Every structure is written in structure tokens, then in C-alpha cells.
């Protein structure tokens, strides 16, 4: 019984240390993102993407850091295909991840792939009304109307 308890303790300790280390790396990336936003410096956004990728490598269960990396790739760096790959992977893990769905629609819109953007926005608007999933609801409704008007 003691050995089992010790094994469980070690597993939990390793997981906690892994998350703590990933969080420190993520925070460092967050500082680079902040400096990139404040100073409009592409190089700072690139460093943030690097550190977010490292944090995800340390703790691959932490989807938020993968999501934030994808947002920077799409919004700030214009690396749309890589951002799409990340958002799609996040949605394969959880199809109700509203923030990933909304941001993938934004990337599709930037690429003039309006049908795909319309599909994602429509799906986003049907998600359960949680704070996370409904964060961009007014914007999604506005963009969906705009995209539909392009068909007319």
C-alpha cells in the first residue's frame, strides 16, 4: 500500500512540476506578446509564439497555450495556414471550444474562404451559452450577416 501511495505522490508531483515549468515559460511568452502589442513589434510576437510552443511541449495537456499561440500566428503574424492547423487540432480535441471556432472563422475570413467562415460562425452561435463560448457572440452575429450579404 505504501508503494502505491508513493507512486501516486510521485506522479502527481511530476505533473505539478511540469505544469509549473510550463506556466513559467508561458508567462515569459506572455511578456513578449505584451511588448509586441504595445510596441507593434513583429519580433516580439515571434518570440511569444516560440515560448508558447515550448510551454505546450512541456505540458501538452494545456490547450490554452496552444490556442494563444494559434491566435498570435493568425492575427499578428499572418501565418494563416499554421494558425488553421492549430485551431483545427484544438477543435478535433473539443468541437465545442468556442474561442478556437470563432478564431478559425476569422482566419478563414482573412483568407477569403467565406463558406468555411460562415460554417464556423454558424456553429459558434449554436454552442451552449457559457461565458467562454459566448465571448464574441455579437461580433460573430455581425460577421455572419456580413458574409451572408456577400452571397446576395
N, C-alpha and C. Protein backbone atom coordinates (compact mmCIF):
# COMPACT_ATOMS: atom_id res chain seq x y z
N UNK A 1 0.82 -1.18 0.00
CA UNK A 1 0.00 0.00 0.00
C UNK A 1 0.87 1.26 0.00
N UNK A 2 1.95 1.22 0.78
CA UNK A 2 2.85 2.36 0.84
C UNK A 2 3.46 2.64 -0.53
N UNK A 3 3.88 1.59 -1.25
CA UNK A 3 4.47 1.77 -2.58
C UNK A 3 3.48 2.42 -3.55
N UNK A 4 2.23 2.00 -3.50
CA UNK A 4 1.21 2.58 -4.37
C UNK A 4 1.01 4.06 -4.05
N UNK A 5 0.93 4.38 -2.77
CA UNK A 5 0.77 5.77 -2.36
C UNK A 5 1.96 6.61 -2.81
N UNK A 6 3.15 6.06 -2.69
CA UNK A 6 4.36 6.76 -3.11
C UNK A 6 4.37 6.97 -4.62
N UNK A 7 3.96 5.98 -5.36
CA UNK A 7 3.90 6.11 -6.83
C UNK A 7 2.90 7.19 -7.23
N UNK A 8 1.75 7.21 -6.60
CA UNK A 8 0.74 8.23 -6.89
C UNK A 8 1.30 9.61 -6.55
N UNK A 9 1.94 9.73 -5.40
CA UNK A 9 2.53 11.01 -4.99
C UNK A 9 3.56 11.48 -6.02
N UNK A 10 4.41 10.58 -6.48
CA UNK A 10 5.43 10.96 -7.46
C UNK A 10 4.81 11.38 -8.78
N UNK A 11 3.78 10.68 -9.22
CA UNK A 11 3.11 11.05 -10.46
C UNK A 11 2.47 12.43 -10.36
N UNK A 12 1.80 12.67 -9.26
CA UNK A 12 1.16 13.97 -9.06
C UNK A 12 2.22 15.07 -8.96
N UNK A 13 3.30 14.79 -8.26
CA UNK A 13 4.38 15.77 -8.12
C UNK A 13 4.99 16.11 -9.47
N UNK A 14 5.22 15.10 -10.29
CA UNK A 14 5.79 15.35 -11.62
C UNK A 14 4.84 16.18 -12.47
N UNK A 15 3.55 15.88 -12.41
CA UNK A 15 2.57 16.64 -13.18
C UNK A 15 2.53 18.09 -12.72
N UNK A 16 2.59 18.29 -11.42
CA UNK A 16 2.57 19.66 -10.88
C UNK A 16 3.82 20.42 -11.29
N UNK A 17 4.97 19.78 -11.22
CA UNK A 17 6.21 20.43 -11.63
C UNK A 17 6.20 20.75 -13.13
N UNK A 18 5.69 19.81 -13.92
CA UNK A 18 5.60 20.03 -15.36
C UNK A 18 4.71 21.25 -15.65
N UNK A 19 3.56 21.31 -14.99
CA UNK A 19 2.67 22.45 -15.22
C UNK A 19 3.31 23.75 -14.76
N UNK A 20 3.95 23.72 -13.60
CA UNK A 20 4.58 24.93 -13.08
C UNK A 20 5.66 25.44 -14.04
N UNK A 21 6.48 24.53 -14.55
CA UNK A 21 7.53 24.91 -15.50
C UNK A 21 6.89 25.46 -16.79
N UNK A 22 5.85 24.79 -17.27
CA UNK A 22 5.16 25.26 -18.47
C UNK A 22 4.56 26.64 -18.23
N UNK A 23 4.02 26.85 -17.05
CA UNK A 23 3.41 28.15 -16.73
C UNK A 23 4.46 29.26 -16.73
N UNK A 24 5.64 28.98 -16.20
CA UNK A 24 6.72 29.98 -16.22
C UNK A 24 7.12 30.33 -17.65
N UNK A 25 7.26 29.31 -18.48
CA UNK A 25 7.62 29.55 -19.89
C UNK A 25 6.51 30.32 -20.60
N UNK A 26 5.27 29.94 -20.33
CA UNK A 26 4.11 30.64 -20.90
C UNK A 26 4.10 32.11 -20.47
N UNK A 27 4.37 32.37 -19.21
CA UNK A 27 4.39 33.75 -18.72
C UNK A 27 5.46 34.56 -19.42
N UNK A 28 6.62 33.96 -19.65
CA UNK A 28 7.68 34.65 -20.38
C UNK A 28 7.21 34.98 -21.80
N UNK A 29 6.52 34.03 -22.42
CA UNK A 29 5.94 34.29 -23.74
C UNK A 29 4.89 35.40 -23.68
N UNK A 30 4.12 35.42 -22.60
CA UNK A 30 3.11 36.47 -22.43
C UNK A 30 3.74 37.85 -22.37
N UNK A 31 4.91 37.95 -21.74
CA UNK A 31 5.62 39.24 -21.71
C UNK A 31 6.02 39.67 -23.12
N UNK A 32 6.49 38.71 -23.90
CA UNK A 32 6.86 39.04 -25.29
C UNK A 32 5.63 39.46 -26.09
N UNK A 33 4.50 38.78 -25.86
CA UNK A 33 3.26 39.17 -26.55
C UNK A 33 2.89 40.61 -26.15
N UNK A 34 2.96 40.90 -24.87
CA UNK A 34 2.63 42.24 -24.38
C UNK A 34 3.51 43.30 -25.06
N UNK A 35 4.84 43.07 -25.06
CA UNK A 35 5.75 44.03 -25.67
C UNK A 35 5.48 44.15 -27.18
N UNK A 36 5.14 43.03 -27.80
CA UNK A 36 4.79 43.07 -29.22
C UNK A 36 3.55 43.89 -29.47
N UNK A 37 2.54 43.75 -28.61
CA UNK A 37 1.30 44.51 -28.77
C UNK A 37 1.53 46.00 -28.52
N UNK A 38 2.24 46.32 -27.45
CA UNK A 38 2.44 47.71 -27.08
C UNK A 38 3.32 48.44 -28.09
N UNK A 39 4.33 47.76 -28.59
CA UNK A 39 5.30 48.40 -29.47
C UNK A 39 5.14 48.03 -30.95
N UNK A 40 4.11 47.24 -31.26
CA UNK A 40 3.89 46.80 -32.64
C UNK A 40 5.15 46.19 -33.24
N UNK A 41 5.74 45.26 -32.48
CA UNK A 41 6.99 44.63 -32.91
C UNK A 41 6.75 43.16 -33.26
N UNK A 42 6.89 42.87 -34.53
CA UNK A 42 6.70 41.51 -35.02
C UNK A 42 7.66 40.53 -34.32
N UNK A 43 8.88 40.95 -34.09
CA UNK A 43 9.87 40.06 -33.48
C UNK A 43 9.44 39.62 -32.08
N UNK A 44 8.77 40.50 -31.36
CA UNK A 44 8.28 40.12 -30.02
C UNK A 44 7.15 39.10 -30.12
N UNK A 45 6.28 39.25 -31.12
CA UNK A 45 5.22 38.26 -31.32
C UNK A 45 5.82 36.91 -31.72
N UNK A 46 6.87 36.95 -32.52
CA UNK A 46 7.54 35.70 -32.91
C UNK A 46 8.14 35.00 -31.69
N UNK A 47 8.73 35.78 -30.79
CA UNK A 47 9.29 35.20 -29.56
C UNK A 47 8.17 34.62 -28.69
N UNK A 48 7.05 35.32 -28.62
CA UNK A 48 5.91 34.82 -27.84
C UNK A 48 5.44 33.48 -28.40
N UNK A 49 5.34 33.38 -29.72
CA UNK A 49 4.93 32.11 -30.35
C UNK A 49 5.92 31.01 -29.99
N UNK A 50 7.21 31.34 -30.01
CA UNK A 50 8.25 30.37 -29.64
C UNK A 50 8.04 29.87 -28.21
N UNK A 51 7.85 30.79 -27.28
CA UNK A 51 7.69 30.37 -25.87
C UNK A 51 6.37 29.66 -25.63
N UNK A 52 5.32 30.05 -26.33
CA UNK A 52 4.05 29.33 -26.18
C UNK A 52 4.21 27.89 -26.69
N UNK A 53 4.94 27.73 -27.78
CA UNK A 53 5.18 26.38 -28.30
C UNK A 53 6.00 25.56 -27.30
N UNK A 54 6.98 26.18 -26.67
CA UNK A 54 7.78 25.48 -25.66
C UNK A 54 6.92 25.08 -24.46
N UNK A 55 6.06 25.98 -24.02
CA UNK A 55 5.18 25.67 -22.89
C UNK A 55 4.26 24.50 -23.24
N UNK A 56 3.76 24.47 -24.47
CA UNK A 56 2.89 23.37 -24.89
C UNK A 56 3.68 22.06 -24.98
N UNK A 57 4.92 22.18 -25.40
CA UNK A 57 5.80 21.00 -25.47
C UNK A 57 6.04 20.43 -24.07
N UNK A 58 6.19 21.30 -23.09
CA UNK A 58 6.40 20.86 -21.71
C UNK A 58 5.14 20.21 -21.16
N UNK A 59 3.99 20.82 -21.42
CA UNK A 59 2.72 20.28 -20.93
C UNK A 59 1.70 20.23 -22.07
N UNK A 60 1.67 19.13 -22.81
CA UNK A 60 0.78 19.02 -23.96
C UNK A 60 -0.70 18.90 -23.60
N UNK A 61 -1.03 18.90 -22.32
CA UNK A 61 -2.44 18.88 -21.93
C UNK A 61 -3.01 20.30 -21.79
N UNK A 62 -2.18 21.29 -21.90
CA UNK A 62 -2.58 22.67 -21.66
C UNK A 62 -3.03 23.33 -22.97
N UNK A 63 -4.31 23.22 -23.27
CA UNK A 63 -4.81 23.68 -24.56
C UNK A 63 -4.79 25.20 -24.69
N UNK A 64 -4.91 25.92 -23.59
CA UNK A 64 -4.95 27.39 -23.69
C UNK A 64 -3.67 27.94 -24.33
N UNK A 65 -2.54 27.38 -23.99
CA UNK A 65 -1.29 27.90 -24.54
C UNK A 65 -1.23 27.60 -26.05
N UNK A 66 -1.77 26.47 -26.46
CA UNK A 66 -1.81 26.16 -27.89
C UNK A 66 -2.77 27.12 -28.60
N UNK A 67 -3.90 27.39 -27.96
CA UNK A 67 -4.87 28.34 -28.52
C UNK A 67 -4.24 29.73 -28.68
N UNK A 68 -3.57 30.22 -27.65
CA UNK A 68 -3.00 31.56 -27.72
C UNK A 68 -1.89 31.65 -28.76
N UNK A 69 -1.16 30.57 -28.94
CA UNK A 69 -0.15 30.52 -29.99
C UNK A 69 -0.82 30.65 -31.36
N UNK A 70 -1.91 29.93 -31.55
CA UNK A 70 -2.63 29.98 -32.82
C UNK A 70 -3.18 31.38 -33.09
N UNK A 71 -3.68 32.04 -32.04
CA UNK A 71 -4.19 33.40 -32.20
C UNK A 71 -3.09 34.33 -32.69
N UNK A 72 -1.94 34.25 -32.07
CA UNK A 72 -0.82 35.10 -32.50
C UNK A 72 -0.39 34.79 -33.93
N UNK A 73 -0.34 33.50 -34.27
CA UNK A 73 0.04 33.13 -35.63
C UNK A 73 -0.90 33.76 -36.65
N UNK A 74 -2.20 33.70 -36.36
CA UNK A 74 -3.17 34.22 -37.31
C UNK A 74 -3.30 35.73 -37.29
N UNK A 75 -3.53 36.29 -36.12
CA UNK A 75 -3.83 37.73 -36.02
C UNK A 75 -2.62 38.62 -36.21
N UNK A 76 -1.52 38.27 -35.56
CA UNK A 76 -0.37 39.18 -35.53
C UNK A 76 0.69 38.87 -36.58
N UNK A 77 0.84 37.59 -36.91
CA UNK A 77 1.94 37.22 -37.80
C UNK A 77 1.49 36.86 -39.22
N UNK A 78 0.18 36.71 -39.42
CA UNK A 78 -0.31 36.40 -40.76
C UNK A 78 0.08 35.03 -41.26
N UNK A 79 0.42 34.13 -40.35
CA UNK A 79 0.76 32.75 -40.72
C UNK A 79 -0.53 31.92 -40.66
N UNK A 80 -1.39 32.18 -41.64
CA UNK A 80 -2.76 31.68 -41.60
C UNK A 80 -2.87 30.16 -41.66
N UNK A 81 -2.10 29.54 -42.50
CA UNK A 81 -2.21 28.08 -42.64
C UNK A 81 -1.80 27.37 -41.35
N UNK A 82 -0.74 27.87 -40.73
CA UNK A 82 -0.31 27.27 -39.46
C UNK A 82 -1.34 27.52 -38.36
N UNK A 83 -1.93 28.71 -38.36
CA UNK A 83 -2.98 29.01 -37.39
C UNK A 83 -4.19 28.10 -37.61
N UNK A 84 -4.57 27.89 -38.87
CA UNK A 84 -5.68 26.98 -39.18
C UNK A 84 -5.41 25.57 -38.69
N UNK A 85 -4.19 25.12 -38.87
CA UNK A 85 -3.81 23.78 -38.41
C UNK A 85 -3.97 23.67 -36.91
N UNK A 86 -3.53 24.69 -36.18
CA UNK A 86 -3.64 24.68 -34.72
C UNK A 86 -5.09 24.74 -34.26
N UNK A 87 -5.87 25.64 -34.85
CA UNK A 87 -7.28 25.75 -34.45
C UNK A 87 -8.03 24.45 -34.76
N UNK A 88 -7.75 23.88 -35.90
CA UNK A 88 -8.42 22.63 -36.28
C UNK A 88 -8.04 21.50 -35.33
N UNK A 89 -6.79 21.42 -34.95
CA UNK A 89 -6.37 20.39 -33.99
C UNK A 89 -7.07 20.59 -32.65
N UNK A 90 -7.19 21.83 -32.21
CA UNK A 90 -7.90 22.10 -30.95
C UNK A 90 -9.37 21.69 -31.05
N UNK A 91 -9.97 21.93 -32.20
CA UNK A 91 -11.38 21.58 -32.39
C UNK A 91 -11.58 20.08 -32.55
N UNK A 92 -10.57 19.38 -33.02
CA UNK A 92 -10.66 17.92 -33.08
C UNK A 92 -10.67 17.33 -31.67
N UNK A 93 -9.98 17.98 -30.74
CA UNK A 93 -9.98 17.55 -29.35
C UNK A 93 -11.29 17.92 -28.65
N UNK A 94 -11.85 19.08 -29.00
CA UNK A 94 -13.08 19.57 -28.36
C UNK A 94 -13.82 20.43 -29.36
N UNK A 95 -14.83 19.85 -30.00
CA UNK A 95 -15.55 20.59 -31.05
C UNK A 95 -16.38 21.74 -30.51
N UNK A 96 -16.55 21.80 -29.20
CA UNK A 96 -17.31 22.89 -28.58
C UNK A 96 -16.38 23.98 -28.01
N UNK A 97 -15.12 23.99 -28.43
CA UNK A 97 -14.18 25.02 -27.97
C UNK A 97 -14.46 26.29 -28.78
N UNK A 98 -15.36 27.10 -28.25
CA UNK A 98 -15.87 28.25 -28.98
C UNK A 98 -14.82 29.26 -29.40
N UNK A 99 -13.85 29.53 -28.55
CA UNK A 99 -12.83 30.52 -28.91
C UNK A 99 -12.02 30.06 -30.12
N UNK A 100 -11.70 28.79 -30.17
CA UNK A 100 -10.97 28.26 -31.33
C UNK A 100 -11.84 28.32 -32.58
N UNK A 101 -13.11 28.01 -32.43
CA UNK A 101 -14.04 28.03 -33.57
C UNK A 101 -14.19 29.45 -34.12
N UNK A 102 -14.39 30.41 -33.24
CA UNK A 102 -14.53 31.80 -33.67
C UNK A 102 -13.26 32.29 -34.35
N UNK A 103 -12.11 32.02 -33.74
CA UNK A 103 -10.85 32.50 -34.31
C UNK A 103 -10.50 31.80 -35.61
N UNK A 104 -10.89 30.52 -35.76
CA UNK A 104 -10.67 29.86 -37.05
C UNK A 104 -11.54 30.54 -38.12
N UNK A 105 -12.76 30.92 -37.76
CA UNK A 105 -13.61 31.65 -38.70
C UNK A 105 -12.95 32.96 -39.13
N UNK A 106 -12.29 33.64 -38.19
CA UNK A 106 -11.59 34.89 -38.52
C UNK A 106 -10.47 34.64 -39.53
N UNK A 107 -9.75 33.55 -39.34
CA UNK A 107 -8.67 33.22 -40.28
C UNK A 107 -9.26 32.89 -41.65
N UNK A 108 -10.33 32.09 -41.67
CA UNK A 108 -10.98 31.79 -42.95
C UNK A 108 -11.42 33.09 -43.64
N UNK A 109 -11.95 34.01 -42.89
CA UNK A 109 -12.38 35.29 -43.46
C UNK A 109 -11.18 36.03 -44.05
N UNK A 110 -10.07 36.07 -43.32
CA UNK A 110 -8.87 36.74 -43.83
C UNK A 110 -8.37 36.12 -45.13
N UNK A 111 -8.61 34.82 -45.29
CA UNK A 111 -8.19 34.10 -46.49
C UNK A 111 -9.26 34.13 -47.59
N UNK A 112 -10.35 34.86 -47.36
CA UNK A 112 -11.48 34.94 -48.29
C UNK A 112 -12.11 33.57 -48.52
N UNK A 113 -12.07 32.72 -47.52
CA UNK A 113 -12.73 31.41 -47.58
C UNK A 113 -14.05 31.56 -46.80
N UNK A 114 -14.97 32.28 -47.43
CA UNK A 114 -16.18 32.73 -46.76
C UNK A 114 -17.14 31.62 -46.39
N UNK A 115 -17.24 30.59 -47.22
CA UNK A 115 -18.15 29.50 -46.87
C UNK A 115 -17.71 28.81 -45.58
N UNK A 116 -16.40 28.59 -45.46
CA UNK A 116 -15.89 27.95 -44.25
C UNK A 116 -16.04 28.87 -43.03
N UNK A 117 -15.83 30.15 -43.23
CA UNK A 117 -16.03 31.11 -42.15
C UNK A 117 -17.50 31.12 -41.72
N UNK A 118 -18.40 31.09 -42.69
CA UNK A 118 -19.83 31.07 -42.39
C UNK A 118 -20.21 29.81 -41.60
N UNK A 119 -19.66 28.68 -42.00
CA UNK A 119 -19.94 27.42 -41.29
C UNK A 119 -19.47 27.50 -39.85
N UNK A 120 -18.26 27.99 -39.63
CA UNK A 120 -17.72 28.09 -38.27
C UNK A 120 -18.51 29.09 -37.42
N UNK A 121 -18.88 30.22 -38.00
CA UNK A 121 -19.64 31.21 -37.24
C UNK A 121 -21.03 30.69 -36.88
N UNK A 122 -21.64 29.99 -37.82
CA UNK A 122 -22.96 29.40 -37.55
C UNK A 122 -22.86 28.39 -36.42
N UNK A 123 -21.83 27.54 -36.48
CA UNK A 123 -21.63 26.55 -35.42
C UNK A 123 -21.34 27.24 -34.09
N UNK A 124 -20.52 28.26 -34.10
CA UNK A 124 -20.19 29.01 -32.89
C UNK A 124 -21.46 29.54 -32.22
N UNK A 125 -22.37 30.05 -33.02
CA UNK A 125 -23.59 30.64 -32.47
C UNK A 125 -24.57 29.60 -31.92
N UNK A 126 -24.34 28.33 -32.22
CA UNK A 126 -25.22 27.27 -31.70
C UNK A 126 -24.63 26.59 -30.46
N UNK A 127 -23.44 26.98 -30.05
CA UNK A 127 -22.81 26.36 -28.88
C UNK A 127 -23.57 26.72 -27.61
N UNK A 128 -23.45 25.88 -26.59
CA UNK A 128 -24.09 26.20 -25.30
C UNK A 128 -23.59 27.56 -24.80
N UNK A 129 -24.46 28.27 -24.15
CA UNK A 129 -24.14 29.63 -23.71
C UNK A 129 -23.33 29.64 -22.42
N UNK A 130 -22.03 29.43 -22.58
CA UNK A 130 -21.11 29.58 -21.46
C UNK A 130 -20.36 30.89 -21.69
N UNK A 131 -19.75 31.39 -20.65
CA UNK A 131 -19.02 32.66 -20.77
C UNK A 131 -17.94 32.56 -21.84
N UNK A 132 -17.21 31.45 -21.86
CA UNK A 132 -16.13 31.30 -22.83
C UNK A 132 -16.68 31.21 -24.25
N UNK A 133 -17.71 30.42 -24.44
CA UNK A 133 -18.24 30.21 -25.79
C UNK A 133 -19.01 31.40 -26.34
N UNK A 134 -19.46 32.27 -25.48
CA UNK A 134 -20.27 33.39 -25.95
C UNK A 134 -19.53 34.73 -25.91
N UNK A 135 -18.25 34.68 -25.67
CA UNK A 135 -17.46 35.91 -25.53
C UNK A 135 -17.57 36.82 -26.75
N UNK A 136 -17.59 36.24 -27.94
CA UNK A 136 -17.61 37.02 -29.17
C UNK A 136 -18.93 36.93 -29.92
N UNK A 137 -20.00 36.59 -29.21
CA UNK A 137 -21.29 36.38 -29.87
C UNK A 137 -21.75 37.59 -30.71
N UNK A 138 -21.77 38.82 -30.18
CA UNK A 138 -22.21 39.95 -31.01
C UNK A 138 -21.36 40.12 -32.27
N UNK A 139 -20.07 39.95 -32.12
CA UNK A 139 -19.17 40.07 -33.28
C UNK A 139 -19.44 38.95 -34.28
N UNK A 140 -19.67 37.73 -33.80
CA UNK A 140 -19.96 36.61 -34.69
C UNK A 140 -21.25 36.84 -35.45
N UNK A 141 -22.27 37.36 -34.78
CA UNK A 141 -23.55 37.65 -35.45
C UNK A 141 -23.36 38.71 -36.53
N UNK A 142 -22.60 39.74 -36.22
CA UNK A 142 -22.34 40.81 -37.19
C UNK A 142 -21.57 40.28 -38.41
N UNK A 143 -20.54 39.50 -38.15
CA UNK A 143 -19.74 38.96 -39.26
C UNK A 143 -20.53 37.97 -40.10
N UNK A 144 -21.36 37.19 -39.46
CA UNK A 144 -22.18 36.23 -40.20
C UNK A 144 -23.14 36.96 -41.14
N UNK A 145 -23.76 38.04 -40.67
CA UNK A 145 -24.64 38.84 -41.53
C UNK A 145 -23.85 39.41 -42.71
N UNK A 146 -22.64 39.88 -42.42
CA UNK A 146 -21.80 40.46 -43.47
C UNK A 146 -21.44 39.41 -44.51
N UNK A 147 -21.02 38.25 -44.08
CA UNK A 147 -20.65 37.19 -45.01
C UNK A 147 -21.85 36.74 -45.83
N UNK A 148 -23.00 36.60 -45.20
CA UNK A 148 -24.20 36.21 -45.94
C UNK A 148 -24.59 37.27 -46.97
N UNK A 149 -24.34 38.52 -46.66
CA UNK A 149 -24.66 39.59 -47.62
C UNK A 149 -23.79 39.51 -48.86
N UNK A 150 -22.63 38.88 -48.75
CA UNK A 150 -21.76 38.71 -49.91
C UNK A 150 -22.36 37.74 -50.92
N UNK A 151 -23.20 36.82 -50.45
CA UNK A 151 -23.84 35.85 -51.33
C UNK A 151 -24.99 36.47 -52.12
N UNK A 152 -25.54 37.55 -51.60
CA UNK A 152 -26.74 38.14 -52.22
C UNK A 152 -26.42 39.00 -53.41
